[in-house]
Amino acid sequence: MQSGGSTFTICSEGFTNVGQITVQRVVKPCDVPENTSTVCETPYKIQNQSNEQTIYVKFDGVTLPINIVYVDVPTFERFSGVLGYDQGSSIKIKGINILRGAHREDYSVHIGLDGLCLITDINMQFITCLPPKSVPRTNKTDENTVHVIVVVSMITAYIGDLQYTEADNKSSLVNALLTGGLVTSVFIGIMAVLISRRNKKIVIKKCNMEMSKDLSKRRKKSRKDNELGHFEDSETPYSEINPVAELSSYSSSVGHQDVNTGYEKLGHRLPRPTNPYNHLQQSVTDNQMPDTTNIENRTKDLLASDYMDLNI
């Protein structure tokens, strides 16, 4: 192209050993992607000369002449007005000589300040591309309106303005809200899991502490019970006296003894009975003429009295 900026490739060997490679009337040095090739840009056409010109490539003290043919630069048709954009649809840019002197990779279509229109098809008359779904940044008063610029080599062509419709804005807003909601949900879910794990650890720790306290209390209580048990064992246990049991125990210990044995002891305890005949003799002495009948009756009474005393 007459504007220059088209690329051409020189193939050989040893390009990585020759230092900087330059082209006459081009400021930018050639690129060396590998040892066997170098990629350079063409200079602009010298006016008042034919389209066939010779350019010179210089490297390592060597100057290489290359003959090129300049062609007319491509031209592009502007939009008739502000072009409305429906989400998901592509736009077409009409032009002339689009691929003369340039390749598909030489082209780029810019939407707004930071958006790119993805080229899906290109030929000599049309460039078809897909704008970004969301509204790029713009320097327009209307935030939904952005400019469209085609760049190829040294050419920068303004095509017109592209306006995103309200439906697209709503869709973009909905998409943004959905994305934000999804991110928020994921964040909340992660925080919930972390909080749940933290609470679980706290509960487990608290439970362990309670169990440890309870176990300590049980141990102390067990020690006190053991000490109390030892203390009670060292003392004489108290129990009520059961007369029946004591009697049974006494009967079993004494064995079957003769019931009359007690009377022998009782006989020893009581005073020995006096001889009734002694009383009779004393009475005879006192009364020189005793009544024989009274003596016999009195003798019987005394004997009976002594016998009753023995039974008691």
Protein backbone atom coordinates (compact mmCIF):
# COMPACT_ATOMS: atom_id res chain seq x y z
CA MET A 1 0.00 0.00 0.00
CA GLN A 2 1.15 3.50 -0.80
CA SER A 3 0.83 4.49 2.85
CA GLY A 4 3.42 1.91 3.78
CA GLY A 5 3.22 -0.36 6.81
CA SER A 6 2.73 -3.61 4.93
CA THR A 7 4.93 -6.47 6.10
CA PHE A 8 7.20 -8.69 4.09
CA THR A 9 9.44 -11.61 5.13
CA ILE A 10 13.04 -12.30 4.12
CA CYS A 11 14.12 -15.95 4.49
CA SER A 12 17.76 -17.00 4.88
CA GLU A 13 20.06 -18.09 7.73
CA GLY A 14 22.01 -16.43 10.51
CA PHE A 15 19.66 -13.49 11.17
CA THR A 16 20.19 -13.80 14.92
CA ASN A 17 23.90 -13.09 14.46
CA VAL A 18 23.76 -9.91 12.38
CA GLY A 19 22.45 -7.44 14.93
CA GLN A 20 19.82 -4.85 14.07
CA ILE A 21 18.11 -5.08 10.66
CA THR A 22 16.58 -1.90 9.22
CA VAL A 23 14.65 -0.74 6.12
CA GLN A 24 15.27 2.58 4.37
CA ARG A 25 12.70 5.24 5.40
CA VAL A 26 11.24 2.99 8.12
CA VAL A 27 11.85 3.90 11.79
CA LYS A 28 10.93 0.56 13.27
CA PRO A 29 13.62 -2.17 12.97
CA CYS A 30 12.77 -5.54 11.49
CA ASP A 31 11.66 -8.37 13.76
CA VAL A 32 13.70 -11.60 13.92
CA PRO A 33 11.31 -14.36 15.09
CA GLU A 34 13.87 -17.07 14.29
CA ASN A 35 17.37 -17.53 12.88
CA THR A 36 16.09 -18.26 9.36
CA SER A 37 13.72 -15.31 8.82
CA THR A 38 13.15 -11.62 9.48
CA VAL A 39 9.91 -9.62 9.13
CA CYS A 40 10.08 -6.01 7.98
CA GLU A 41 7.66 -3.18 7.09
CA THR A 42 7.48 -1.37 3.77
CA PRO A 43 8.12 2.38 3.67
CA TYR A 44 5.58 4.85 2.30
CA LYS A 45 5.61 5.53 -1.46
CA ILE A 46 7.76 8.35 -2.74
CA GLN A 47 5.45 10.75 -4.48
CA ASN A 48 5.92 11.73 -8.15
CA GLN A 49 7.42 8.32 -8.85
CA SER A 50 5.99 5.20 -10.36
CA ASN A 51 4.30 2.50 -8.33
CA GLU A 52 7.33 0.21 -8.87
CA GLN A 53 10.13 1.24 -6.54
CA THR A 54 13.22 -0.25 -4.93
CA ILE A 55 13.65 -0.33 -1.18
CA TYR A 56 16.84 -1.22 0.71
CA VAL A 57 17.28 -3.52 3.71
CA LYS A 58 20.50 -3.10 5.70
CA PHE A 59 22.08 -5.60 8.15
CA ASP A 60 25.65 -6.28 9.28
CA GLY A 61 27.18 -3.90 6.73
CA VAL A 62 25.19 -5.48 3.91
CA THR A 63 22.50 -3.65 1.90
CA LEU A 64 19.86 -5.79 0.21
CA PRO A 65 17.76 -4.13 -2.56
CA ILE A 66 14.13 -5.30 -2.87
CA ASN A 67 11.73 -4.28 -5.64
CA ILE A 68 8.11 -3.66 -4.61
CA VAL A 69 4.93 -2.50 -6.35
CA TYR A 70 2.70 0.01 -4.57
CA VAL A 71 -1.07 -0.27 -4.85
CA ASP A 72 -3.90 2.09 -3.96
CA VAL A 73 -4.89 2.12 -0.34
CA PRO A 74 -8.24 0.51 0.59
CA THR A 75 -11.22 2.78 1.18
CA PHE A 76 -14.20 2.20 3.50
CA GLU A 77 -17.80 3.36 3.38
CA ARG A 78 -19.14 5.12 6.46
CA PHE A 79 -22.43 4.29 8.17
CA SER A 80 -25.34 6.37 6.91
CA GLY A 81 -26.22 7.21 10.50
CA VAL A 82 -25.90 5.83 13.98
CA LEU A 83 -26.06 2.06 13.57
CA GLY A 84 -28.24 0.27 16.12
CA TYR A 85 -26.76 -2.90 17.46
CA ASP A 86 -28.76 -5.96 18.51
CA GLN A 87 -27.06 -8.32 20.88
CA GLY A 88 -25.52 -11.36 19.18
CA SER A 89 -25.68 -9.95 15.69
CA SER A 90 -22.68 -9.00 13.55
CA ILE A 91 -22.01 -5.81 11.61
CA LYS A 92 -20.68 -5.37 8.07
CA ILE A 93 -18.19 -2.74 6.94
CA LYS A 94 -18.16 -2.05 3.21
CA GLY A 95 -14.92 -1.13 1.39
CA ILE A 96 -12.78 -1.26 -1.75
CA ASN A 97 -9.45 -3.04 -2.30
CA ILE A 98 -9.62 -4.35 1.26
CA LEU A 99 -7.17 -7.22 0.70
CA ARG A 100 -4.96 -5.52 -1.91
CA GLY A 101 -1.59 -5.01 -0.37
CA ALA A 102 -2.77 -6.40 3.06
CA HIS A 103 -3.79 -9.66 4.73
CA ARG A 104 -6.54 -10.57 7.14
CA GLU A 105 -4.18 -10.50 10.13
CA ASP A 106 -3.22 -6.90 9.21
CA TYR A 107 -6.74 -5.66 10.01
CA SER A 108 -8.35 -4.78 13.34
CA VAL A 109 -11.73 -3.17 14.06
CA HIS A 110 -12.05 -1.11 17.27
CA ILE A 111 -15.36 -0.47 19.07
CA GLY A 112 -15.30 2.42 21.53
CA LEU A 113 -12.22 3.08 23.62
CA ASP A 114 -11.45 -0.48 24.69
CA GLY A 115 -13.58 -2.87 22.61
CA LEU A 116 -12.63 -5.04 19.65
CA CYS A 117 -14.91 -6.31 16.92
CA LEU A 118 -14.06 -9.96 16.22
CA ILE A 119 -13.52 -10.43 12.47
CA THR A 120 -15.47 -13.46 11.25
CA ASP A 121 -15.12 -12.88 7.49
CA ILE A 122 -13.14 -10.58 5.16
CA ASN A 123 -12.89 -10.13 1.41
CA MET A 124 -12.16 -7.35 -1.09
CA GLN A 125 -15.55 -5.61 -0.45
CA PHE A 126 -16.68 -6.44 3.12
CA ILE A 127 -15.41 -6.93 6.63
CA THR A 128 -17.83 -8.85 8.87
CA CYS A 129 -17.22 -8.71 12.62
CA LEU A 130 -18.95 -9.34 15.95
CA PRO A 131 -18.96 -6.44 18.47
CA PRO A 132 -18.65 -7.07 22.23
CA LYS A 133 -21.89 -7.86 24.08
CA SER A 134 -21.47 -5.21 26.76
CA VAL A 135 -21.10 -1.54 26.02
CA PRO A 136 -17.40 -0.54 25.84
CA ARG A 137 -16.13 2.72 27.27
CA THR A 138 -16.86 5.72 25.12
CA ASN A 139 -16.03 9.42 24.80
CA LYS A 140 -19.54 10.20 23.55
CA THR A 141 -22.21 12.05 25.51
CA ASP A 142 -24.50 9.06 25.19
CA GLU A 143 -22.96 6.20 27.11
CA ASN A 144 -24.65 3.68 24.81
CA THR A 145 -23.05 5.10 21.67
CA VAL A 146 -19.52 4.12 20.62
CA HIS A 147 -17.36 4.80 17.57
CA VAL A 148 -16.14 2.19 15.04
CA ILE A 149 -12.61 2.48 13.58
CA VAL A 150 -10.81 0.22 11.08
CA VAL A 151 -7.01 0.00 11.36
CA VAL A 152 -4.76 -1.56 8.70
CA SER A 153 -1.04 -0.87 8.43
CA MET A 154 -0.69 2.93 8.53
CA ILE A 155 -4.38 3.54 7.79
CA THR A 156 -6.90 4.47 10.50
CA ALA A 157 -10.40 4.85 9.06
CA TYR A 158 -13.38 6.16 11.07
CA ILE A 159 -16.52 4.25 9.97
CA GLY A 160 -19.22 5.77 12.18
CA ASP A 161 -21.08 5.30 15.48
CA LEU A 162 -22.67 2.20 16.91
CA GLN A 163 -25.51 2.46 19.44
CA TYR A 164 -26.40 -0.35 21.82
CA THR A 165 -30.18 -0.72 22.23
CA GLU A 166 -32.00 -0.63 25.58
CA ALA A 167 -32.68 -4.35 25.35
CA ASP A 168 -28.95 -4.91 25.13
CA ASN A 169 -28.40 -2.62 28.08
CA LYS A 170 -31.05 -4.47 30.09
CA SER A 171 -29.58 -7.78 29.04
CA SER A 172 -26.13 -6.60 29.98
CA LEU A 173 -27.48 -5.34 33.29
CA VAL A 174 -29.26 -8.63 33.89
CA ASN A 175 -26.09 -10.53 33.00
CA ALA A 176 -24.08 -8.31 35.30
CA LEU A 177 -26.60 -8.80 38.11
CA LEU A 178 -26.66 -12.55 37.56
CA THR A 179 -22.88 -12.67 37.56
CA GLY A 180 -22.74 -10.53 40.68
CA GLY A 181 -25.40 -12.69 42.34
CA LEU A 182 -23.50 -15.83 41.45
CA VAL A 183 -20.27 -14.43 42.84
CA THR A 184 -22.09 -13.25 45.96
CA SER A 185 -23.74 -16.65 46.40
CA VAL A 186 -20.40 -18.42 46.07
CA PHE A 187 -18.85 -16.01 48.57
CA ILE A 188 -21.74 -16.46 51.01
CA GLY A 189 -21.52 -20.24 50.59
CA ILE A 190 -17.80 -20.22 51.33
CA MET A 191 -18.30 -17.95 54.35
CA ALA A 192 -21.15 -20.17 55.59
CA VAL A 193 -18.94 -23.25 55.33
CA LEU A 194 -16.10 -21.48 57.16
CA ILE A 195 -18.44 -20.19 59.88
CA SER A 196 -20.06 -23.62 60.21
CA ARG A 197 -16.66 -25.28 60.62
CA ARG A 198 -15.61 -22.62 63.14
CA ASN A 199 -18.83 -23.08 65.15
CA LYS A 200 -18.41 -26.85 64.99
CA LYS A 201 -14.88 -26.55 66.36
CA ILE A 202 -16.12 -24.26 69.14
CA VAL A 203 -18.92 -26.68 70.06
CA ILE A 204 -16.53 -29.64 70.05
CA LYS A 205 -14.06 -27.72 72.20
CA LYS A 206 -16.83 -26.68 74.61
CA CYS A 207 -18.13 -30.25 74.76
CA ASN A 208 -14.63 -31.55 75.50
CA MET A 209 -14.24 -28.97 78.26
CA GLU A 210 -17.60 -29.92 79.78
CA MET A 211 -16.73 -33.61 79.59
CA SER A 212 -13.36 -32.89 81.20
CA LYS A 213 -15.02 -30.93 84.02
CA ASP A 214 -17.62 -33.65 84.55
CA LEU A 215 -14.92 -36.31 84.60
CA SER A 216 -12.93 -34.27 87.11
CA LYS A 217 -16.00 -33.92 89.34
CA ARG A 218 -16.67 -37.63 89.13
CA ARG A 219 -13.08 -38.40 90.09
CA LYS A 220 -13.26 -36.06 93.09
CA LYS A 221 -16.58 -37.57 94.17
CA SER A 222 -15.16 -41.08 93.79
CA ARG A 223 -12.17 -40.14 95.94
CA LYS A 224 -14.45 -38.69 98.63
CA ASP A 225 -16.62 -41.83 98.58
CA ASN A 226 -13.55 -44.02 98.93
CA GLU A 227 -12.26 -41.95 101.87
CA LEU A 228 -15.70 -42.05 103.52
CA GLY A 229 -15.88 -45.81 103.01
CA HIS A 230 -12.48 -46.28 104.66
CA PHE A 231 -13.56 -44.05 107.55
CA GLU A 232 -16.80 -46.02 108.13
CA ASP A 233 -14.96 -49.32 107.96
CA SER A 234 -12.60 -48.17 110.73
CA GLU A 235 -15.51 -47.42 113.13
CA THR A 236 -17.78 -49.92 114.94
CA PRO A 237 -21.03 -50.08 113.04
CA TYR A 238 -24.15 -49.25 115.00
CA SER A 239 -27.25 -51.35 114.76
CA GLU A 240 -30.43 -51.41 116.75
CA ILE A 241 -30.93 -54.22 119.26
CA ASN A 242 -33.64 -56.60 118.21
CA PRO A 243 -34.98 -58.31 121.31
CA VAL A 244 -36.26 -61.28 119.36
CA ALA A 245 -32.96 -61.70 117.56
CA GLU A 246 -31.03 -61.26 120.78
CA LEU A 247 -33.24 -63.83 122.47
CA SER A 248 -32.82 -66.23 119.59
CA SER A 249 -29.07 -65.63 119.60
CA TYR A 250 -28.95 -66.17 123.34
CA SER A 251 -31.03 -69.31 123.12
CA SER A 252 -28.85 -70.70 120.39
CA SER A 253 -25.68 -69.86 122.30
CA VAL A 254 -26.91 -71.35 125.58
CA GLY A 255 -28.46 -74.39 123.95
CA HIS A 256 -31.35 -76.44 125.31
CA GLN A 257 -30.90 -76.26 129.07
CA ASP A 258 -33.18 -77.57 131.76
CA VAL A 259 -35.85 -75.08 132.74
CA ASN A 260 -35.35 -75.96 136.34
CA THR A 261 -31.79 -74.61 136.28
CA GLY A 262 -33.10 -71.15 137.01
CA TYR A 263 -34.82 -72.29 140.09
CA GLU A 264 -31.53 -73.52 141.54
CA LYS A 265 -30.08 -70.05 141.14
CA LEU A 266 -33.22 -68.54 142.57
CA GLY A 267 -32.96 -70.87 145.51
CA HIS A 268 -29.46 -69.63 146.20
CA ARG A 269 -30.56 -66.00 145.97
CA LEU A 270 -33.55 -66.33 148.38
CA PRO A 271 -32.99 -66.68 152.08
CA ARG A 272 -33.01 -70.19 153.30
CA PRO A 273 -36.36 -71.07 154.86
CA THR A 274 -36.43 -71.45 158.53
CA ASN A 275 -37.34 -74.75 160.09
CA PRO A 276 -41.02 -74.65 161.16
CA TYR A 277 -40.21 -76.89 164.03
CA ASN A 278 -37.91 -74.21 165.40
CA HIS A 279 -40.83 -71.78 165.39
CA LEU A 280 -42.97 -74.44 167.02
CA GLN A 281 -40.38 -75.04 169.69
CA GLN A 282 -40.16 -71.30 170.36
CA SER A 283 -43.92 -71.05 170.66
CA VAL A 284 -44.03 -73.98 173.12
CA THR A 285 -41.43 -72.30 175.21
CA ASP A 286 -43.42 -69.09 175.24
CA ASN A 287 -46.69 -70.88 175.98
CA GLN A 288 -46.30 -73.74 178.29
CA MET A 289 -49.62 -75.22 177.47
CA PRO A 290 -50.06 -75.07 173.69
CA ASP A 291 -53.13 -76.12 171.81
CA THR A 292 -52.37 -79.26 169.85
CA THR A 293 -54.82 -78.43 167.07
CA ASN A 294 -53.49 -74.94 166.68
CA ILE A 295 -49.98 -76.28 166.55
CA GLU A 296 -50.79 -78.60 163.68
CA ASN A 297 -52.64 -75.89 161.76
CA ARG A 298 -49.85 -73.43 162.29
CA THR A 299 -47.33 -76.00 161.24
CA LYS A 300 -49.23 -76.56 158.01
CA ASP A 301 -49.49 -72.81 157.35
CA LEU A 302 -45.78 -72.32 157.85
CA LEU A 303 -44.94 -75.21 155.57
CA ALA A 304 -47.28 -73.88 152.91
CA SER A 305 -45.78 -70.38 153.28
CA ASP A 306 -42.27 -71.73 152.84
CA TYR A 307 -43.31 -73.72 149.80
CA MET A 308 -44.85 -70.64 148.15
CA ASP A 309 -41.68 -68.67 148.89
CA LEU A 310 -39.71 -71.35 147.11
CA ASN A 311 -41.97 -71.21 144.02
CA ILE A 312 -41.64 -67.44 143.83
